[in-house]
Every structure is written in C-alpha cells, then in structure tokens.
C-alpha cells in the first residue's frame, strides 16, 4: 500500500513562490499594466517553472533517500 509523506518545507516554499510569480504575471497581463516586455514575461514564467521543478526534485530526492535507507541490502560476506 502506498504511504503518503508530508512534503518537505523547501518543496512547499518553492511551490508557493512559483504560484505567486505566475499569479503576478497573469495579473499584470489581465490588468494591462504593461510593466514587462514579452521576452521578460517569458523569462519570468520560465524561472517560476524552474523553481517549481526544483521543489519537486527536492521532494523526490528526499523520498528516494528514505526508501533506499529502509531497503538497504545487507552484506552477507
């Protein structure tokens, strides 16, 4: 059976930052504020995606480390 673990704080913080950045860019576009050029908006959105993926990688790495620690093969020499 699959056990769900709490997400690491780093992952949650990365997700929140990513959502806030994307929300700001969407609000800027919806409000027609024209604060950023198109290239800058794309760069900001790519940065937000990278931050979100980094949070996911941290979570996966932590879960994998715990799994490998629990299922460590014993040396029988």
N, C-alpha and C. Protein backbone atom coordinates (compact mmCIF):
# COMPACT_ATOMS: atom_id res chain seq x y z
N UNK A 1 0.84 -1.18 0.00
CA UNK A 1 0.00 0.00 0.00
C UNK A 1 0.89 1.25 0.00
N UNK A 2 0.47 2.24 -0.71
CA UNK A 2 1.26 3.46 -0.84
C UNK A 2 1.06 4.32 0.41
N UNK A 3 2.18 4.76 0.96
CA UNK A 3 2.12 5.66 2.12
C UNK A 3 2.48 7.06 1.65
N UNK A 4 1.69 8.01 2.03
CA UNK A 4 1.96 9.39 1.67
C UNK A 4 2.71 10.06 2.80
N UNK A 5 3.74 10.81 2.44
CA UNK A 5 4.54 11.53 3.42
C UNK A 5 4.29 13.01 3.26
N UNK A 6 4.54 13.74 4.33
CA UNK A 6 4.42 15.19 4.27
C UNK A 6 5.51 15.74 3.34
N UNK A 7 5.18 16.79 2.61
CA UNK A 7 6.16 17.40 1.71
C UNK A 7 7.20 18.17 2.52
N UNK A 8 8.44 18.16 2.06
CA UNK A 8 9.46 18.96 2.74
C UNK A 8 9.12 20.46 2.65
N UNK A 9 9.58 21.22 3.63
CA UNK A 9 9.30 22.65 3.66
C UNK A 9 9.86 23.36 2.44
N UNK A 10 11.01 22.91 1.95
CA UNK A 10 11.62 23.52 0.77
C UNK A 10 10.69 23.38 -0.43
N UNK A 11 10.07 22.22 -0.57
CA UNK A 11 9.16 21.98 -1.69
C UNK A 11 7.94 22.89 -1.61
N UNK A 12 7.37 23.00 -0.44
CA UNK A 12 6.20 23.86 -0.26
C UNK A 12 6.55 25.31 -0.55
N UNK A 13 7.69 25.77 -0.06
CA UNK A 13 8.12 27.15 -0.30
C UNK A 13 8.34 27.38 -1.79
N UNK A 14 8.97 26.43 -2.48
CA UNK A 14 9.19 26.57 -3.92
C UNK A 14 7.88 26.65 -4.67
N UNK A 15 6.92 25.81 -4.29
CA UNK A 15 5.62 25.84 -4.94
C UNK A 15 4.91 27.17 -4.72
N UNK A 16 4.96 27.69 -3.50
CA UNK A 16 4.31 28.96 -3.19
C UNK A 16 4.94 30.09 -3.98
N UNK A 17 6.27 30.13 -4.02
CA UNK A 17 6.97 31.17 -4.78
C UNK A 17 6.59 31.08 -6.26
N UNK A 18 6.57 29.88 -6.79
CA UNK A 18 6.23 29.68 -8.20
C UNK A 18 4.82 30.15 -8.49
N UNK A 19 3.87 29.80 -7.66
CA UNK A 19 2.47 30.21 -7.87
C UNK A 19 2.33 31.73 -7.75
N UNK A 20 3.03 32.34 -6.80
CA UNK A 20 2.97 33.80 -6.67
C UNK A 20 3.54 34.51 -7.89
N UNK A 21 4.65 34.01 -8.40
CA UNK A 21 5.25 34.62 -9.59
C UNK A 21 4.32 34.50 -10.79
N UNK A 22 3.77 33.30 -11.00
CA UNK A 22 2.85 33.09 -12.12
C UNK A 22 1.61 33.96 -11.94
N UNK A 23 1.09 34.04 -10.73
CA UNK A 23 -0.07 34.89 -10.46
C UNK A 23 0.20 36.35 -10.73
N UNK A 24 1.40 36.81 -10.38
CA UNK A 24 1.75 38.21 -10.64
C UNK A 24 1.82 38.49 -12.14
N UNK A 25 2.41 37.58 -12.89
CA UNK A 25 2.50 37.77 -14.34
C UNK A 25 1.11 37.74 -14.97
N UNK A 26 0.24 36.84 -14.52
CA UNK A 26 -1.12 36.80 -15.06
C UNK A 26 -1.90 38.06 -14.68
N UNK A 27 -1.72 38.55 -13.46
CA UNK A 27 -2.38 39.78 -13.04
C UNK A 27 -1.88 40.97 -13.86
N UNK A 28 -0.59 40.98 -14.14
CA UNK A 28 -0.02 42.05 -14.95
C UNK A 28 -0.59 42.02 -16.35
N UNK A 29 -0.79 40.83 -16.90
CA UNK A 29 -1.34 40.71 -18.24
C UNK A 29 -2.83 41.05 -18.24
N UNK A 30 -3.56 40.58 -17.23
CA UNK A 30 -5.00 40.82 -17.16
C UNK A 30 -5.29 42.31 -16.92
N UNK A 31 -4.48 42.92 -16.07
CA UNK A 31 -4.68 44.33 -15.76
C UNK A 31 -4.15 45.28 -16.81
N UNK A 32 -3.47 44.73 -17.81
CA UNK A 32 -2.88 45.53 -18.89
C UNK A 32 -1.99 46.64 -18.34
N UNK A 33 -1.14 46.30 -17.39
CA UNK A 33 -0.26 47.28 -16.77
C UNK A 33 0.95 47.59 -17.65
N UNK A 34 1.34 46.68 -18.50
CA UNK A 34 2.49 46.83 -19.39
C UNK A 34 3.77 47.15 -18.61
N UNK A 35 4.01 46.38 -17.56
CA UNK A 35 5.24 46.56 -16.78
C UNK A 35 6.43 45.89 -17.44
N UNK A 36 6.17 44.76 -18.10
CA UNK A 36 7.25 43.98 -18.67
C UNK A 36 7.02 43.76 -20.16
N UNK A 37 8.13 43.60 -20.88
CA UNK A 37 8.02 43.23 -22.28
C UNK A 37 7.68 41.75 -22.39
N UNK A 38 7.39 41.30 -23.58
CA UNK A 38 7.02 39.90 -23.78
C UNK A 38 8.16 38.97 -23.43
N UNK A 39 9.39 39.32 -23.80
CA UNK A 39 10.54 38.47 -23.50
C UNK A 39 10.78 38.36 -22.00
N UNK A 40 10.57 39.45 -21.29
CA UNK A 40 10.77 39.43 -19.83
C UNK A 40 9.69 38.56 -19.17
N UNK A 41 8.46 38.65 -19.64
CA UNK A 41 7.39 37.80 -19.10
C UNK A 41 7.71 36.33 -19.30
N UNK A 42 8.19 35.99 -20.49
CA UNK A 42 8.54 34.59 -20.76
C UNK A 42 9.67 34.15 -19.85
N UNK A 43 10.66 35.01 -19.66
CA UNK A 43 11.77 34.68 -18.76
C UNK A 43 11.32 34.49 -17.33
N UNK A 44 10.39 35.33 -16.88
CA UNK A 44 9.87 35.21 -15.51
C UNK A 44 9.09 33.91 -15.36
N UNK A 45 8.26 33.57 -16.35
CA UNK A 45 7.48 32.33 -16.28
C UNK A 45 8.38 31.10 -16.33
N UNK A 46 9.44 31.15 -17.13
CA UNK A 46 10.39 30.03 -17.17
C UNK A 46 11.08 29.89 -15.82
N UNK A 47 11.44 31.01 -15.21
CA UNK A 47 12.06 30.98 -13.87
C UNK A 47 11.11 30.37 -12.85
N UNK A 48 9.83 30.73 -12.92
CA UNK A 48 8.85 30.16 -12.00
C UNK A 48 8.73 28.65 -12.20
N UNK A 49 8.76 28.21 -13.45
CA UNK A 49 8.70 26.78 -13.72
C UNK A 49 9.92 26.06 -13.18
N UNK A 50 11.09 26.66 -13.33
CA UNK A 50 12.32 26.06 -12.81
C UNK A 50 12.27 25.95 -11.29
N UNK A 51 11.76 26.98 -10.62
CA UNK A 51 11.64 26.95 -9.16
C UNK A 51 10.70 25.82 -8.74
N UNK A 52 9.57 25.67 -9.44
CA UNK A 52 8.63 24.60 -9.12
C UNK A 52 9.22 23.22 -9.35
N UNK A 53 9.95 23.04 -10.44
CA UNK A 53 10.58 21.75 -10.71
C UNK A 53 11.66 21.45 -9.68
N UNK A 54 12.40 22.48 -9.25
CA UNK A 54 13.40 22.27 -8.21
C UNK A 54 12.75 21.76 -6.93
N UNK A 55 11.61 22.34 -6.57
CA UNK A 55 10.89 21.86 -5.39
C UNK A 55 10.47 20.41 -5.53
N UNK A 56 10.03 20.02 -6.72
CA UNK A 56 9.64 18.63 -6.95
C UNK A 56 10.84 17.69 -6.85
N UNK A 57 11.97 18.12 -7.41
CA UNK A 57 13.18 17.29 -7.36
C UNK A 57 13.64 17.09 -5.92
N UNK A 58 13.56 18.14 -5.11
CA UNK A 58 13.94 18.01 -3.69
C UNK A 58 13.05 16.98 -3.01
N UNK A 59 11.76 17.05 -3.26
CA UNK A 59 10.83 16.10 -2.65
C UNK A 59 11.11 14.68 -3.10
N UNK A 60 11.32 14.48 -4.40
CA UNK A 60 11.61 13.14 -4.92
C UNK A 60 12.91 12.60 -4.35
N UNK A 61 13.94 13.45 -4.28
CA UNK A 61 15.23 13.01 -3.76
C UNK A 61 15.13 12.61 -2.29
N UNK A 62 14.36 13.36 -1.52
CA UNK A 62 14.21 13.03 -0.10
C UNK A 62 13.46 11.71 0.08
N UNK A 63 12.41 11.51 -0.71
CA UNK A 63 11.67 10.25 -0.61
C UNK A 63 12.52 9.08 -1.08
N UNK A 64 13.29 9.26 -2.14
CA UNK A 64 14.15 8.20 -2.64
C UNK A 64 15.24 7.85 -1.63
N UNK A 65 15.81 8.85 -0.98
CA UNK A 65 16.83 8.59 0.04
C UNK A 65 16.25 7.79 1.20
N UNK A 66 15.04 8.14 1.62
CA UNK A 66 14.39 7.38 2.69
C UNK A 66 14.08 5.96 2.28
N UNK A 67 13.64 5.78 1.03
CA UNK A 67 13.34 4.45 0.53
C UNK A 67 14.60 3.59 0.46
N UNK A 68 15.67 4.17 -0.05
CA UNK A 68 16.92 3.41 -0.16
C UNK A 68 17.51 3.09 1.21
N UNK A 69 17.32 3.97 2.16
CA UNK A 69 17.83 3.72 3.51
C UNK A 69 17.08 2.57 4.17
N UNK A 70 15.76 2.51 3.95
CA UNK A 70 14.95 1.43 4.55
C UNK A 70 15.22 0.09 3.88
N UNK A 71 15.43 0.09 2.58
CA UNK A 71 15.59 -1.15 1.82
C UNK A 71 17.04 -1.43 1.47
N UNK A 72 17.93 -1.06 2.34
CA UNK A 72 19.36 -1.27 2.10
C UNK A 72 19.65 -2.77 2.19
N UNK A 73 20.27 -3.34 1.15
CA UNK A 73 20.60 -4.77 1.20
C UNK A 73 21.71 -5.02 2.22
N UNK A 74 21.56 -6.11 2.95
CA UNK A 74 22.58 -6.44 3.95
C UNK A 74 23.71 -7.22 3.29
N UNK A 75 24.92 -6.92 3.71
CA UNK A 75 26.11 -7.60 3.16
C UNK A 75 26.30 -8.89 3.95
N UNK A 76 26.30 -10.03 3.26
CA UNK A 76 26.46 -11.34 3.93
C UNK A 76 27.76 -11.98 3.45
N UNK A 77 28.87 -11.40 3.87
CA UNK A 77 30.17 -11.94 3.49
C UNK A 77 30.81 -12.68 4.63
